[in-house]
N, C-alpha and C. Protein backbone atom coordinates (compact mmCIF):
# COMPACT_ATOMS: atom_id res chain seq x y z
N MET A 1 102.60 90.64 91.56
CA MET A 1 103.28 90.24 90.26
C MET A 1 103.89 88.83 90.53
N VAL A 2 104.08 88.13 89.61
CA VAL A 2 104.79 86.88 89.69
C VAL A 2 106.04 87.05 88.87
N GLN A 3 107.03 86.13 89.15
CA GLN A 3 108.36 86.22 88.43
C GLN A 3 108.39 85.52 87.12
N PRO A 4 109.24 85.75 86.32
CA PRO A 4 110.06 87.02 86.40
C PRO A 4 109.26 88.25 85.95
N TYR A 5 109.59 89.42 86.70
CA TYR A 5 109.03 90.45 86.64
C TYR A 5 108.91 91.33 85.41
N TYR A 6 109.95 91.04 84.64
CA TYR A 6 110.14 91.72 83.30
C TYR A 6 109.26 91.12 82.10
N ALA A 7 108.54 90.02 82.42
CA ALA A 7 107.66 89.46 81.44
C ALA A 7 106.16 90.30 81.52
N PRO A 8 105.82 91.21 80.59
CA PRO A 8 104.61 91.90 80.75
C PRO A 8 103.29 91.29 81.18
N ALA A 9 103.23 90.03 80.88
CA ALA A 9 101.97 89.30 81.51
C ALA A 9 102.22 88.92 83.01
N ASN A 10 103.28 89.09 83.52
CA ASN A 10 103.39 88.83 84.99
C ASN A 10 103.29 90.16 85.90
N VAL A 11 102.77 91.08 85.39
CA VAL A 11 102.80 92.54 85.99
C VAL A 11 101.30 92.95 85.95
N THR A 12 100.74 93.38 87.05
CA THR A 12 99.59 94.22 86.92
C THR A 12 99.55 95.31 87.98
N GLY A 13 98.86 96.34 87.59
CA GLY A 13 98.87 97.46 88.59
C GLY A 13 97.55 98.01 88.99
N PHE A 14 97.29 98.81 89.95
CA PHE A 14 96.08 99.32 90.26
C PHE A 14 96.45 100.54 91.20
N GLU A 15 95.44 101.52 91.26
CA GLU A 15 95.61 102.71 92.15
C GLU A 15 95.07 102.28 93.67
N ALA A 16 95.97 102.46 94.53
CA ALA A 16 95.64 102.15 95.84
C ALA A 16 95.08 103.42 96.59
N PRO A 17 93.96 103.29 97.04
CA PRO A 17 93.32 104.46 97.70
C PRO A 17 93.95 104.66 99.02
N ARG A 18 93.90 105.73 99.59
CA ARG A 18 94.39 106.16 101.00
C ARG A 18 93.58 105.23 102.08
N GLY A 19 94.25 105.04 103.19
CA GLY A 19 93.56 104.36 104.23
C GLY A 19 93.98 103.04 104.38
N VAL A 20 93.49 102.15 105.20
CA VAL A 20 93.88 100.87 105.46
C VAL A 20 93.44 99.92 104.34
N LEU A 21 94.39 99.04 103.99
CA LEU A 21 94.14 98.15 102.96
C LEU A 21 94.79 96.84 103.52
N THR A 22 94.03 95.73 102.88
CA THR A 22 94.41 94.27 103.15
C THR A 22 94.86 93.61 101.96
N HIS A 23 95.99 93.25 101.88
CA HIS A 23 96.55 92.40 100.57
C HIS A 23 96.61 91.04 100.91
N SER A 24 96.18 90.09 100.00
CA SER A 24 96.33 88.81 100.08
C SER A 24 96.67 88.08 98.95
N LEU A 25 97.44 86.94 99.16
CA LEU A 25 97.89 86.12 97.92
C LEU A 25 97.37 84.66 98.17
N ARG A 26 96.81 84.11 97.20
CA ARG A 26 96.54 82.55 97.41
C ARG A 26 97.11 81.95 96.22
N TRP A 27 98.16 81.17 96.61
CA TRP A 27 99.18 80.54 95.68
C TRP A 27 98.70 79.01 95.58
N GLU A 28 98.34 78.65 94.53
CA GLU A 28 97.99 77.33 94.24
C GLU A 28 98.83 76.82 92.88
N PRO A 29 98.77 75.50 92.89
CA PRO A 29 99.43 74.95 91.69
C PRO A 29 98.81 75.48 90.17
N GLY A 30 99.77 76.28 89.57
CA GLY A 30 99.32 76.81 88.23
C GLY A 30 98.53 78.11 88.41
N ARG A 31 98.32 78.76 89.66
CA ARG A 31 97.44 79.89 89.86
C ARG A 31 97.87 80.64 91.04
N ALA A 32 97.84 81.99 90.85
CA ALA A 32 98.28 82.91 91.96
C ALA A 32 97.03 84.08 91.83
N THR A 33 96.48 84.16 92.89
CA THR A 33 95.38 85.21 93.09
C THR A 33 95.79 86.17 94.01
N PHE A 34 95.90 87.62 93.46
CA PHE A 34 96.30 88.51 94.23
C PHE A 34 94.99 89.55 94.64
N ARG A 35 94.75 89.80 95.80
CA ARG A 35 93.36 90.58 96.09
C ARG A 35 93.71 91.68 97.08
N THR A 36 93.12 92.84 96.76
CA THR A 36 93.36 93.98 97.84
C THR A 36 91.79 94.45 98.19
N VAL A 37 91.54 94.62 99.50
CA VAL A 37 90.19 94.96 99.91
C VAL A 37 90.41 96.26 101.00
N ARG A 38 89.53 97.03 101.16
CA ARG A 38 89.63 98.10 101.99
C ARG A 38 89.41 97.53 103.33
N GLY A 39 90.10 98.01 104.43
CA GLY A 39 89.90 97.72 105.69
C GLY A 39 91.05 96.72 106.22
N ALA A 40 90.89 96.25 107.46
CA ALA A 40 91.92 95.54 108.18
C ALA A 40 91.61 93.96 108.14
N SER A 41 90.78 93.51 107.31
CA SER A 41 90.33 92.13 107.21
C SER A 41 90.22 91.75 105.85
N ALA A 42 90.84 90.55 105.55
CA ALA A 42 90.68 90.07 104.21
C ALA A 42 89.25 89.76 103.78
N SER A 43 88.36 89.47 104.75
CA SER A 43 87.13 89.22 104.20
C SER A 43 86.15 90.31 104.64
N GLY A 44 85.03 90.60 103.91
CA GLY A 44 84.13 91.71 104.18
C GLY A 44 84.31 93.26 103.76
N GLY A 45 85.68 93.41 103.40
CA GLY A 45 85.86 94.74 102.99
C GLY A 45 85.65 94.99 101.43
N ALA A 46 85.30 96.18 101.07
CA ALA A 46 85.15 96.39 99.82
C ALA A 46 86.32 96.04 98.85
N LEU A 47 86.08 95.48 97.83
CA LEU A 47 87.13 94.97 96.81
C LEU A 47 87.68 96.18 96.12
N VAL A 48 89.01 96.28 96.27
CA VAL A 48 89.84 97.36 95.54
C VAL A 48 90.34 96.83 94.29
N SER A 49 90.91 95.57 94.30
CA SER A 49 91.64 95.02 93.13
C SER A 49 91.76 93.57 93.33
N GLU A 50 91.51 92.86 92.23
CA GLU A 50 91.87 91.39 92.27
C GLU A 50 92.32 90.99 90.92
N HIS A 51 93.45 90.12 90.94
CA HIS A 51 94.06 89.73 89.49
C HIS A 51 94.41 88.16 89.74
N VAL A 52 94.10 87.51 88.80
CA VAL A 52 94.54 85.98 88.73
C VAL A 52 95.61 85.80 87.86
N PHE A 53 96.76 85.33 88.09
CA PHE A 53 97.66 84.91 87.22
C PHE A 53 97.45 83.33 86.84
N ALA A 54 97.40 82.81 85.75
CA ALA A 54 97.16 81.65 85.47
C ALA A 54 98.14 80.90 84.51
N SER A 55 99.11 81.71 84.13
CA SER A 55 100.45 81.12 83.57
C SER A 55 101.64 81.61 83.94
N GLY A 56 102.67 80.86 83.89
CA GLY A 56 103.88 81.27 84.39
C GLY A 56 104.07 81.33 85.76
N VAL A 57 103.15 80.72 86.63
CA VAL A 57 103.14 80.80 88.05
C VAL A 57 104.14 79.66 88.55
N PRO A 58 105.19 80.17 89.21
CA PRO A 58 106.25 79.09 89.57
C PRO A 58 105.64 78.23 90.58
N SER A 59 106.22 76.98 90.60
CA SER A 59 105.91 75.99 91.58
C SER A 59 106.56 76.31 93.12
N SER A 60 105.83 75.79 94.04
CA SER A 60 106.38 76.15 95.43
C SER A 60 107.69 75.41 95.72
N GLY A 61 108.40 75.78 96.72
CA GLY A 61 109.56 75.09 97.14
C GLY A 61 110.68 76.07 97.55
N ASN A 62 110.73 77.09 97.04
CA ASN A 62 111.93 78.09 97.42
C ASN A 62 111.44 79.52 97.49
N GLU A 63 110.37 79.65 98.43
CA GLU A 63 109.58 80.86 98.44
C GLU A 63 110.41 82.05 99.29
N ARG A 64 110.38 83.25 98.83
CA ARG A 64 110.96 84.37 99.53
C ARG A 64 110.11 85.49 99.38
N LEU A 65 109.96 86.17 100.48
CA LEU A 65 109.03 87.36 100.57
C LEU A 65 109.86 88.54 100.50
N ARG A 66 109.40 89.59 99.59
CA ARG A 66 110.08 90.87 99.40
C ARG A 66 108.95 91.90 99.35
N LEU A 67 109.02 92.98 100.09
CA LEU A 67 108.23 94.10 100.21
C LEU A 67 108.91 95.34 99.72
N ASN A 68 108.48 95.88 98.56
CA ASN A 68 109.04 97.16 98.19
C ASN A 68 107.98 98.37 98.13
N LEU A 69 108.44 99.46 98.46
CA LEU A 69 107.61 100.63 98.38
C LEU A 69 108.24 101.66 97.39
N TYR A 70 107.52 101.98 96.37
CA TYR A 70 107.95 102.88 95.42
C TYR A 70 107.10 104.00 95.40
N VAL A 71 107.65 105.25 95.19
CA VAL A 71 106.80 106.53 95.16
C VAL A 71 106.82 106.95 93.66
N PHE A 72 105.56 106.77 92.92
CA PHE A 72 105.54 107.07 91.53
C PHE A 72 104.76 108.44 91.47
N ARG A 73 105.05 109.07 90.21
CA ARG A 73 104.39 110.25 89.83
C ARG A 73 104.66 111.39 90.78
N ARG A 74 105.71 111.57 91.34
CA ARG A 74 106.05 112.43 92.30
C ARG A 74 106.34 114.02 91.62
N GLY A 75 106.36 113.93 90.42
CA GLY A 75 106.57 115.27 89.81
C GLY A 75 108.06 115.88 89.85
N ALA A 76 108.28 117.04 89.35
CA ALA A 76 109.62 117.67 89.52
C ALA A 76 109.98 118.01 90.89
N GLN A 77 109.03 118.20 91.84
CA GLN A 77 109.42 118.60 93.32
C GLN A 77 109.72 117.43 93.91
N PRO A 78 110.89 117.43 94.88
CA PRO A 78 111.12 116.22 95.66
C PRO A 78 110.11 115.96 96.60
N LEU A 79 110.02 114.78 97.07
CA LEU A 79 109.07 114.33 98.09
C LEU A 79 109.23 115.12 99.46
N THR A 80 108.26 115.87 99.79
CA THR A 80 108.24 116.86 101.07
C THR A 80 107.83 116.15 102.36
N SER A 81 107.12 115.05 102.23
CA SER A 81 106.71 114.28 103.52
C SER A 81 106.93 112.91 103.21
N GLY A 82 107.03 112.11 104.30
CA GLY A 82 107.33 110.68 104.31
C GLY A 82 106.25 109.85 103.47
N ALA A 83 106.71 108.74 103.14
CA ALA A 83 105.72 107.72 102.64
C ALA A 83 106.08 106.31 103.33
N GLU A 84 104.96 105.66 103.82
CA GLU A 84 105.21 104.43 104.57
C GLU A 84 104.22 103.50 104.49
N ILE A 85 104.57 102.24 104.84
CA ILE A 85 103.56 101.13 104.75
C ILE A 85 103.77 100.73 106.25
N VAL A 86 102.62 100.08 106.86
CA VAL A 86 102.71 99.52 108.22
C VAL A 86 102.20 98.16 108.02
N VAL A 87 103.04 97.09 108.30
CA VAL A 87 102.58 95.71 108.32
C VAL A 87 102.15 95.30 109.48
N GLU A 88 100.78 95.05 109.91
CA GLU A 88 100.19 94.73 111.19
C GLU A 88 100.46 93.22 111.28
N LYS A 89 100.21 92.49 110.26
CA LYS A 89 100.27 91.17 110.45
C LYS A 89 100.71 90.51 109.10
N PHE A 90 101.56 89.48 109.25
CA PHE A 90 101.88 88.58 108.06
C PHE A 90 101.75 87.15 108.45
N GLU A 91 101.07 86.60 107.55
CA GLU A 91 100.63 85.04 107.84
C GLU A 91 100.99 84.05 106.76
N TYR A 92 101.77 83.17 106.97
CA TYR A 92 101.97 82.17 105.95
C TYR A 92 101.43 80.81 106.42
N ILE A 93 100.57 80.34 105.52
CA ILE A 93 99.83 78.89 105.96
C ILE A 93 100.35 78.06 104.76
N PRO A 94 101.23 76.97 104.94
CA PRO A 94 101.61 76.29 103.89
C PRO A 94 100.29 75.18 103.41
């Protein structure tokens, strides 16, 4: 998603399958491409989701990274086992 998150055009969702996934963001002037593939590499894995934002993309200059994990659709029963993400690598290339 791009900011502000409360603008409907700035949010998109997808069903994340179990297993190792690689998420990437390519941020260019006026364009942000979010891509998710299966496996531990951004290239070569089967495409799970891709979305291009072409309007409302903020310009660079005051970048901040935030990672949030939300458990959706858990039903009436409380979560009985943990949920986690493991970040094996983060790379920022200006």
